[in-house]
């Protein structure tokens, strides 16, 4: 089976890029989504080239041909080439040395099969010669594409351990390319390792979920993920869907009371939460600022803020000589006569 090479070559700048990489000698092949989409009769989106050339050699050849080379991920072998406005990611063949579920340490290789073996799904490990259209399938991706089945390459648990995001990617690819029930081994592996998603950044999770929700009909897949608890580690609100469905089934069977008894009791509020609530209750908004006014005893202007600070304090003129004012609001008149004031109740001493 072959592809029509003109699907690649008719794009502006592609021939120039392939000639710079000497692709006629077998040093470069298209791989991944572009090959998969063309086999399905769809228009390919992003273009990816796999090459046996090392990253520094790729950069040198691109610059010599006047093609812009951007080292977007050169430590992992990826160089972004911009040829006459067409963007292509050129990645050196590689194999994983070590992984931690989020990032990998890679080693460059010349083996096409080893490069295919580190990819996630069989339908993404298809290579095509850019000039002849010859296809290279190392893990049965063509058959899976015909049957619309999404399968991991090798052991699903190992693929997920290499990159935890493949859990969400699996369901996105199943929603777009899969028909019928998902692969049982892949589904069980995703459910078993769902908590590994908590180790990923929110940005990566959000980006993958948005791509899933943007598909034409993701509802069956999203419902299946919610029923299996795949959203609980990253979007706990989706777990309510499972509870609502169990309650609906219980009502239909006349067991609503039994369902209510099985519901977990609300957890008691912690002491720290109660203390925080008390602190919030003690917070009061600041008193409104009032215009300045005169103290009638000594004709001195007293600002509202200064008056508020001097509540239940002595008159500023008779400081140390007058008793504290029992009135909670600032007094208006200081008689200064040694007798009790009718206005504020201050009795002066001298």
Foldseek 3Di string as FASTA:
>chain_A
DFADLCLQVVDAQRVLLCVLQVLVVVFKWWFFQCLLQVVVVHRGDATEMEGQDQLVSSCVSCVVSVWDWAPPPNQQAWIWTQGPNHTYIYGYQWAFPDAAQADTHIDGDNDLLRSLQLDFWQLRSWIARSPTRDIDHDQPNVVCQVQLATDTRDQLLVNCRRHVCVLLVSLLSCLPRHDDDHDPRNVVSSLVCLLVCLVDDPVSVVVSVVSSVPDPDNVVSLVVCLCSVSCCNPPVVSVVVNLVVVCVVCVVVVNNVVSVVPDDDDDDDDPVVVVVVVVVVPDDDDDDWDAWDAAAAPRDIDGSVNQLVQFQHDDVVLHPFKHGFPDRGRFRYDNPPQDADPGTGIGGHD
